[in-house]
C-alpha atoms as a PDB file:
ATOM      1  CA  MET A   1      38.600 314.092-143.706  1.00  0.00           C
ATOM      2  CA  THR A   2      35.339 312.820-145.153  1.00  0.00           C
ATOM      3  CA  ALA A   3      34.533 309.134-145.496  1.00  0.00           C
ATOM      4  CA  VAL A   4      34.706 309.504-149.283  1.00  0.00           C
ATOM      5  CA  ASN A   5      38.063 311.050-149.095  1.00  0.00           C
ATOM      6  CA  PHE A   6      39.391 308.488-146.693  1.00  0.00           C
ATOM      7  CA  ARG A   7      38.268 305.712-149.117  1.00  0.00           C
ATOM      8  CA  ASP A   8      39.895 307.506-152.057  1.00  0.00           C
ATOM      9  CA  ASN A   9      43.132 307.914-150.238  1.00  0.00           C
ATOM     10  CA  SER A  10      43.064 304.298-149.112  1.00  0.00           C
ATOM     11  CA  PHE A  11      42.485 303.182-152.756  1.00  0.00           C
ATOM     12  CA  VAL A  12      45.467 305.256-153.956  1.00  0.00           C
ATOM     13  CA  PHE A  13      47.680 303.774-151.208  1.00  0.00           C
ATOM     14  CA  CYS A  14      46.690 300.209-152.088  1.00  0.00           C
ATOM     15  CA  ALA A  15      47.214 300.789-155.812  1.00  0.00           C
ATOM     16  CA  ALA A  16      50.633 302.371-155.177  1.00  0.00           C
ATOM     17  CA  HIS A  17      51.585 299.424-152.940  1.00  0.00           C
ATOM     18  CA  LEU A  18      50.520 296.893-155.620  1.00  0.00           C
ATOM     19  CA  ALA A  19      52.370 298.782-158.354  1.00  0.00           C
ATOM     20  CA  LEU A  20      55.533 298.636-156.266  1.00  0.00           C
ATOM     21  CA  ARG A  21      55.045 294.918-155.540  1.00  0.00           C
ATOM     22  CA  TYR A  22      54.638 293.841-159.100  1.00  0.00           C
ATOM     23  CA  ALA A  23      57.053 296.245-160.701  1.00  0.00           C
ATOM     24  CA  SER A  24      59.754 295.734-158.189  1.00  0.00           C
ATOM     25  CA  PHE A  25      62.146 294.216-160.727  1.00  0.00           C
ATOM     26  CA  PHE A  26      64.649 296.255-162.783  1.00  0.00           C
ATOM     27  CA  MET A  27      64.689 296.043-166.623  1.00  0.00           C
ATOM     28  CA  SER A  28      67.310 296.961-169.132  1.00  0.00           C
ATOM     29  CA  SER A  29      68.291 296.343-172.734  1.00  0.00           C
ATOM     30  CA  ILE A  30      71.291 294.031-173.295  1.00  0.00           C
ATOM     31  CA  GLU A  31      73.394 296.776-175.035  1.00  0.00           C
ATOM     32  CA  ILE A  32      73.379 299.095-171.942  1.00  0.00           C
ATOM     33  CA  HIS A  33      73.582 296.289-169.354  1.00  0.00           C
ATOM     34  CA  PRO A  34      76.889 296.416-167.315  1.00  0.00           C
ATOM     35  CA  GLU A  35      77.188 292.554-167.719  1.00  0.00           C
ATOM     36  CA  LYS A  36      76.172 292.443-171.430  1.00  0.00           C
ATOM     37  CA  ASN A  37      79.033 290.101-172.381  1.00  0.00           C
ATOM     38  CA  ILE A  38      78.108 287.555-169.724  1.00  0.00           C
ATOM     39  CA  ILE A  39      74.458 287.759-170.719  1.00  0.00           C
ATOM     40  CA  ARG A  40      75.218 287.095-174.350  1.00  0.00           C
ATOM     41  CA  VAL A  41      77.187 283.925-173.405  1.00  0.00           C
ATOM     42  CA  GLN A  42      74.314 282.833-171.179  1.00  0.00           C
ATOM     43  CA  LEU A  43      71.839 283.195-173.993  1.00  0.00           C
ATOM     44  CA  ARG A  44      74.060 281.203-176.270  1.00  0.00           C
ATOM     45  CA  GLN A  45      73.740 278.373-173.657  1.00  0.00           C
ATOM     46  CA  ASN A  46      69.954 278.427-173.550  1.00  0.00           C
ATOM     47  CA  VAL A  47      68.293 275.125-174.528  1.00  0.00           C
ATOM     48  CA  VAL A  48      66.177 276.868-177.238  1.00  0.00           C
ATOM     49  CA  LEU A  49      68.707 279.319-178.509  1.00  0.00           C
ATOM     50  CA  LYS A  50      71.986 277.404-178.485  1.00  0.00           C
ATOM     51  CA  GLU A  51      71.775 276.211-182.203  1.00  0.00           C
ATOM     52  CA  MET A  52      70.884 279.743-183.492  1.00  0.00           C
ATOM     53  CA  SER A  53      73.021 281.441-186.099  1.00  0.00           C
ATOM     54  CA  GLU A  54      75.005 284.636-185.496  1.00  0.00           C
ATOM     55  CA  SER A  55      72.651 286.602-187.745  1.00  0.00           C
ATOM     56  CA  ALA A  56      69.551 285.259-185.860  1.00  0.00           C
ATOM     57  CA  PHE A  57      71.099 286.362-182.503  1.00  0.00           C
ATOM     58  CA  ALA A  58      71.888 289.723-183.913  1.00  0.00           C
ATOM     59  CA  GLU A  59      68.240 290.127-184.860  1.00  0.00           C
ATOM     60  CA  LEU A  60      66.814 288.816-181.608  1.00  0.00           C
ATOM     61  CA  GLU A  61      69.027 290.647-179.146  1.00  0.00           C
ATOM     62  CA  PRO A  62      67.497 294.130-179.563  1.00  0.00           C
ATOM     63  CA  MET A  63      64.036 292.641-178.815  1.00  0.00           C
ATOM     64  CA  LEU A  64      65.037 291.388-175.474  1.00  0.00           C
ATOM     65  CA  SER A  65      64.662 293.086-172.125  1.00  0.00           C
ATOM     66  CA  ILE A  66      66.838 291.876-169.215  1.00  0.00           C
ATOM     67  CA  VAL A  67      64.861 291.573-165.967  1.00  0.00           C
ATOM     68  CA  GLU A  68      66.353 291.449-162.506  1.00  0.00           C
ATOM     69  CA  CYS A  69      63.834 289.703-160.234  1.00  0.00           C
ATOM     70  CA  HIS A  70      63.643 289.535-156.483  1.00  0.00           C
ATOM     71  CA  LYS A  71      62.343 286.298-154.764  1.00  0.00           C
ATOM     72  CA  GLY A  72      58.554 286.230-155.056  1.00  0.00           C
ATOM     73  CA  ASP A  73      58.295 288.646-158.071  1.00  0.00           C
ATOM     74  CA  TYR A  74      55.616 287.698-160.659  1.00  0.00           C
ATOM     75  CA  LEU A  75      56.802 287.606-164.272  1.00  0.00           C
ATOM     76  CA  LEU A  76      53.433 286.382-165.457  1.00  0.00           C
ATOM     77  CA  HIS A  77      49.945 286.392-163.735  1.00  0.00           C
ATOM     78  CA  GLN A  78      47.399 283.605-164.137  1.00  0.00           C
ATOM     79  CA  GLY A  79      44.304 284.593-166.164  1.00  0.00           C
ATOM     80  CA  VAL A  80      45.881 287.323-168.446  1.00  0.00           C
ATOM     81  CA  HIS A  81      45.963 287.632-172.225  1.00  0.00           C
ATOM     82  CA  GLU A  82      49.175 289.701-172.447  1.00  0.00           C
ATOM     83  CA  MET A  83      52.027 287.095-172.696  1.00  0.00           C
ATOM     84  CA  GLU A  84      55.749 287.029-172.949  1.00  0.00           C
ATOM     85  CA  GLN A  85      58.557 284.585-173.668  1.00  0.00           C
ATOM     86  CA  TYR A  86      61.262 284.090-170.955  1.00  0.00           C
ATOM     87  CA  PHE A  87      64.842 282.838-171.161  1.00  0.00           C
ATOM     88  CA  ILE A  88      66.368 282.151-167.682  1.00  0.00           C
ATOM     89  CA  LEU A  89      69.924 283.451-167.203  1.00  0.00           C
ATOM     90  CA  ASP A  90      70.316 283.014-163.439  1.00  0.00           C
ATOM     91  CA  GLY A  91      68.097 281.819-160.629  1.00  0.00           C
ATOM     92  CA  ILE A  92      65.000 279.665-160.369  1.00  0.00           C
ATOM     93  CA  LEU A  93      61.397 280.271-161.502  1.00  0.00           C
ATOM     94  CA  LYS A  94      58.253 278.240-160.767  1.00  0.00           C
ATOM     95  CA  ARG A  95      55.064 277.695-162.794  1.00  0.00           C
ATOM     96  CA  VAL A  96      52.249 277.712-160.383  1.00  0.00           C
ATOM     97  CA  VAL A  97      48.421 277.386-160.499  1.00  0.00           C
ATOM     98  CA  THR A  98      46.088 279.076-157.907  1.00  0.00           C
ATOM     99  CA  ASN A  99      42.434 278.171-157.355  1.00  0.00           C
ATOM    100  CA  GLN A 100      39.596 280.404-156.141  1.00  0.00           C
ATOM    101  CA  GLN A 101      40.507 279.503-152.462  1.00  0.00           C
ATOM    102  CA  ALA A 102      44.085 280.741-153.005  1.00  0.00           C
ATOM    103  CA  LYS A 103      45.436 277.234-152.793  1.00  0.00           C
ATOM    104  CA  GLU A 104      48.499 276.774-154.955  1.00  0.00           C
ATOM    105  CA  MET A 105      49.945 273.878-156.983  1.00  0.00           C
ATOM    106  CA  ILE A 106      53.438 274.130-158.294  1.00  0.00           C
ATOM    107  CA  LEU A 107      53.684 272.613-161.769  1.00  0.00           C
ATOM    108  CA  ARG A 108      57.458 272.868-162.387  1.00  0.00           C
ATOM    109  CA  PHE A 109      60.659 274.667-161.561  1.00  0.00           C
ATOM    110  CA  ALA A 110      63.004 276.064-164.161  1.00  0.00           C
ATOM    111  CA  ALA A 111      66.582 277.296-163.848  1.00  0.00           C
ATOM    112  CA  GLU A 112      69.472 278.554-165.887  1.00  0.00           C
ATOM    113  CA  ARG A 113      69.710 277.520-169.552  1.00  0.00           C
ATOM    114  CA  GLU A 114      65.938 276.747-169.518  1.00  0.00           C
ATOM    115  CA  MET A 115      62.950 278.805-170.583  1.00  0.00           C
ATOM    116  CA  GLU A 116      59.421 279.671-169.517  1.00  0.00           C
ATOM    117  CA  THR A 117      56.454 280.301-171.726  1.00  0.00           C
ATOM    118  CA  SER A 118      52.768 280.596-172.203  1.00  0.00           C
ATOM    119  CA  TYR A 119      52.940 279.626-175.902  1.00  0.00           C
ATOM    120  CA  ALA A 120      50.176 276.963-175.807  1.00  0.00           C
ATOM    121  CA  ALA A 121      47.741 279.507-174.236  1.00  0.00           C
ATOM    122  CA  TRP A 122      48.650 282.046-176.943  1.00  0.00           C
ATOM    123  CA  CYS A 123      48.112 279.553-179.731  1.00  0.00           C
ATOM    124  CA  LEU A 124      44.699 278.548-178.238  1.00  0.00           C
ATOM    125  CA  LYS A 125      43.831 282.205-177.609  1.00  0.00           C
ATOM    126  CA  THR A 126      42.973 281.542-173.929  1.00  0.00           C
ATOM    127  CA  PRO A 127      44.046 283.249-170.758  1.00  0.00           C
ATOM    128  CA  THR A 128      47.260 282.082-169.086  1.00  0.00           C
ATOM    129  CA  PRO A 129      46.465 279.025-167.018  1.00  0.00           C
ATOM    130  CA  TYR A 130      49.263 279.675-164.497  1.00  0.00           C
ATOM    131  CA  SER A 131      51.529 282.230-163.034  1.00  0.00           C
ATOM    132  CA  ILE A 132      55.338 282.409-163.431  1.00  0.00           C
ATOM    133  CA  VAL A 133      57.016 283.462-160.211  1.00  0.00           C
ATOM    134  CA  SER A 134      60.642 283.936-159.127  1.00  0.00           C
ATOM    135  CA  VAL A 135      61.611 281.373-156.426  1.00  0.00           C
ATOM    136  CA  THR A 136      65.009 282.963-155.923  1.00  0.00           C
ATOM    137  CA  LYS A 137      66.743 286.109-157.006  1.00  0.00           C
ATOM    138  CA  ALA A 138      66.809 285.672-160.768  1.00  0.00           C
ATOM    139  CA  ARG A 139      67.791 287.281-164.037  1.00  0.00           C
ATOM    140  CA  VAL A 140      65.668 286.697-167.077  1.00  0.00           C
ATOM    141  CA  ALA A 141      65.625 287.777-170.728  1.00  0.00           C
ATOM    142  CA  LYS A 142      62.137 288.357-172.109  1.00  0.00           C
ATOM    143  CA  LEU A 143      60.219 289.712-175.060  1.00  0.00           C
ATOM    144  CA  PRO A 144      56.497 289.955-175.986  1.00  0.00           C
ATOM    145  CA  MET A 145      54.974 286.733-177.241  1.00  0.00           C
ATOM    146  CA  PRO A 146      53.813 288.287-180.622  1.00  0.00           C
ATOM    147  CA  GLN A 147      57.466 289.328-181.264  1.00  0.00           C
ATOM    148  CA  TRP A 148      58.768 285.842-180.467  1.00  0.00           C
ATOM    149  CA  ILE A 149      56.257 284.076-182.612  1.00  0.00           C
ATOM    150  CA  ALA A 150      57.029 286.447-185.512  1.00  0.00           C
ATOM    151  CA  PHE A 151      60.723 285.824-185.015  1.00  0.00           C
ATOM    152  CA  MET A 152      60.265 282.066-185.083  1.00  0.00           C
ATOM    153  CA  GLU A 153      58.286 282.285-188.339  1.00  0.00           C
ATOM    154  CA  ARG A 154      61.244 283.973-189.890  1.00  0.00           C
ATOM    155  CA  HIS A 155      63.640 281.368-188.363  1.00  0.00           C
ATOM    156  CA  LEU A 156      62.026 277.973-188.670  1.00  0.00           C
ATOM    157  CA  GLU A 157      65.209 276.355-187.378  1.00  0.00           C
ATOM    158  CA  VAL A 158      64.336 277.826-184.042  1.00  0.00           C
ATOM    159  CA  LYS A 159      60.582 277.127-184.113  1.00  0.00           C
ATOM    160  CA  LYS A 160      60.890 273.228-184.395  1.00  0.00           C
ATOM    161  CA  PRO A 161      63.093 272.690-181.256  1.00  0.00           C
ATOM    162  CA  PHE A 162      61.131 275.327-179.408  1.00  0.00           C
ATOM    163  CA  GLU A 163      57.758 273.547-180.036  1.00  0.00           C
ATOM    164  CA  TYR A 164      59.392 270.235-179.224  1.00  0.00           C
ATOM    165  CA  TYR A 165      60.541 271.672-175.911  1.00  0.00           C
ATOM    166  CA  VAL A 166      57.126 273.010-175.070  1.00  0.00           C
ATOM    167  CA  MET A 167      55.571 269.571-175.791  1.00  0.00           C
ATOM    168  CA  ASN A 168      58.218 267.896-173.600  1.00  0.00           C
ATOM    169  CA  LEU A 169      57.397 270.283-170.812  1.00  0.00           C
ATOM    170  CA  MET A 170      53.700 269.401-171.012  1.00  0.00           C
ATOM    171  CA  SER A 171      54.548 265.733-170.849  1.00  0.00           C
ATOM    172  CA  GLU A 172      56.858 266.251-167.857  1.00  0.00           C
ATOM    173  CA  ILE A 173      54.130 268.158-165.932  1.00  0.00           C
ATOM    174  CA  MET A 174      51.619 265.409-166.704  1.00  0.00           C
ATOM    175  CA  ALA A 175      54.093 262.734-165.458  1.00  0.00           C
ATOM    176  CA  HIS A 176      54.692 264.689-162.343  1.00  0.00           C
ATOM    177  CA  THR A 177      50.962 265.048-161.601  1.00  0.00           C
ATOM    178  CA  ILE A 178      50.473 261.272-162.059  1.00  0.00           C
ATOM    179  CA  THR A 179      53.370 260.449-159.732  1.00  0.00           C
ATOM    180  CA  LEU A 180      51.760 262.586-156.974  1.00  0.00           C
ATOM    181  CA  HIS A 181      49.068 259.943-156.990  1.00  0.00           C
ATOM    182  CA  LEU A 182      51.100 256.795-157.644  1.00  0.00           C
ATOM    183  CA  LEU A 183      54.188 257.268-155.468  1.00  0.00           C
ATOM    184  CA  ASP A 184      54.620 257.486-151.673  1.00  0.00           C
ATOM    185  CA  ALA A 185      56.458 260.381-150.128  1.00  0.00           C
ATOM    186  CA  PRO A 186      59.949 258.967-150.381  1.00  0.00           C
ATOM    187  CA  GLY A 187      59.267 257.860-153.943  1.00  0.00           C
ATOM    188  CA  ARG A 188      58.322 261.344-154.981  1.00  0.00           C
ATOM    189  CA  VAL A 189      61.469 262.774-153.427  1.00  0.00           C
ATOM    190  CA  HIS A 190      63.681 260.180-155.058  1.00  0.00           C
ATOM    191  CA  ARG A 191      62.072 260.828-158.436  1.00  0.00           C
ATOM    192  CA  PHE A 192      62.793 264.558-158.169  1.00  0.00           C
ATOM    193  CA  ILE A 193      66.404 263.948-157.113  1.00  0.00           C
ATOM    194  CA  ARG A 194      66.902 261.551-160.086  1.00  0.00           C
ATOM    195  CA  LYS A 195      65.500 263.992-162.585  1.00  0.00           C
ATOM    196  CA  HIS A 196      66.535 267.345-161.009  1.00  0.00           C
ATOM    197  CA  SER A 197      69.547 266.633-158.788  1.00  0.00           C
ATOM    198  CA  GLU A 198      71.105 270.004-159.533  1.00  0.00           C
ATOM    199  CA  LEU A 199      68.032 271.825-158.020  1.00  0.00           C
ATOM    200  CA  PHE A 200      67.503 269.764-154.841  1.00  0.00           C
ATOM    201  CA  ASP A 201      69.765 271.922-152.626  1.00  0.00           C
ATOM    202  CA  ARG A 202      68.911 275.242-154.268  1.00  0.00           C
ATOM    203  CA  ILE A 203      65.064 275.253-153.933  1.00  0.00           C
ATOM    204  CA  PRO A 204      63.795 276.333-150.599  1.00  0.00           C
ATOM    205  CA  LYS A 205      62.544 273.227-148.855  1.00  0.00           C
ATOM    206  CA  LYS A 206      59.031 274.769-148.257  1.00  0.00           C
ATOM    207  CA  GLU A 207      58.748 275.242-152.047  1.00  0.00           C
ATOM    208  CA  LEU A 208      60.079 271.792-152.801  1.00  0.00           C
ATOM    209  CA  ALA A 209      57.714 270.176-150.303  1.00  0.00           C
ATOM    210  CA  ALA A 210      54.691 272.021-151.897  1.00  0.00           C
ATOM    211  CA  TYR A 211      55.721 270.784-155.368  1.00  0.00           C
ATOM    212  CA  LEU A 212      55.883 267.177-154.080  1.00  0.00           C
ATOM    213  CA  ASN A 213      52.535 267.584-152.219  1.00  0.00           C
ATOM    214  CA  LEU A 214      54.188 267.169-148.848  1.00  0.00           C
ATOM    215  CA  SER A 215      54.449 269.219-145.771  1.00  0.00           C
ATOM    216  CA  ALA A 216      57.797 270.816-144.995  1.00  0.00           C
ATOM    217  CA  GLU A 217      57.790 268.773-141.717  1.00  0.00           C
ATOM    218  CA  THR A 218      57.392 265.455-143.625  1.00  0.00           C
ATOM    219  CA  LEU A 219      60.228 266.344-145.984  1.00  0.00           C
ATOM    220  CA  SER A 220      62.481 267.239-143.054  1.00  0.00           C
ATOM    221  CA  ARG A 221      61.548 264.044-141.246  1.00  0.00           C
ATOM    222  CA  LEU A 222      62.360 261.911-144.291  1.00  0.00           C
ATOM    223  CA  LYS A 223      65.758 263.450-144.465  1.00  0.00           C
ATOM    224  CA  GLN A 224      66.372 262.913-140.641  1.00  0.00           C
ATOM    225  CA  ARG A 225      65.426 259.301-140.957  1.00  0.00           C
ATOM    226  CA  GLY A 226      67.804 258.744-143.904  1.00  0.00           C
ATOM    227  CA  LYS A 227      64.979 257.873-146.331  1.00  0.00           C
ATOM    228  CA  ILE A 228      66.173 260.441-148.899  1.00  0.00           C
END
């Protein structure tokens, strides 16, 4: 085997490995999904969709794809222009920023009945400033951002609460970033428990520690000493 062929084969192998890694989730339409009735109920409970009319739901449903994610799967990559809208049905996602040194900062976690989006980046015509990654096994309903925006333009009763929710998320992320500087380690943990008690025992402690800018050892030590 020549050096050129070896390099070519290595490239093919790496490309195939990456394709498997980032396309490891299974996608389906709602209509053919074996749990379609459960999914429809879950969508009805979503914070953005719960006030929608039956006719609006009937219009939206065929646009949605159901994604079955494994832990660590990327739904969205930082720095891209192709964006989607996500409604979380099961499991937990994280919004994470990575710098050039591969250091990560987790901006938020989101679970059932919540949503994830890159709507602000789309409106500003900028690349996505963060990735969206599955923290646990998860099920998500998604559609391309242009379709979601066109749908909202036809249903303004959906657009207003959606944009309010996006602004609230941005405010929450800003508040969290400030508390990383103003609160000590126990204070950060207590604030998270106060605001997200339902997630505290579901998020892997390594992920939670990273979100709170703590080491996993510090988080464990605080628990052992009864400070949290």
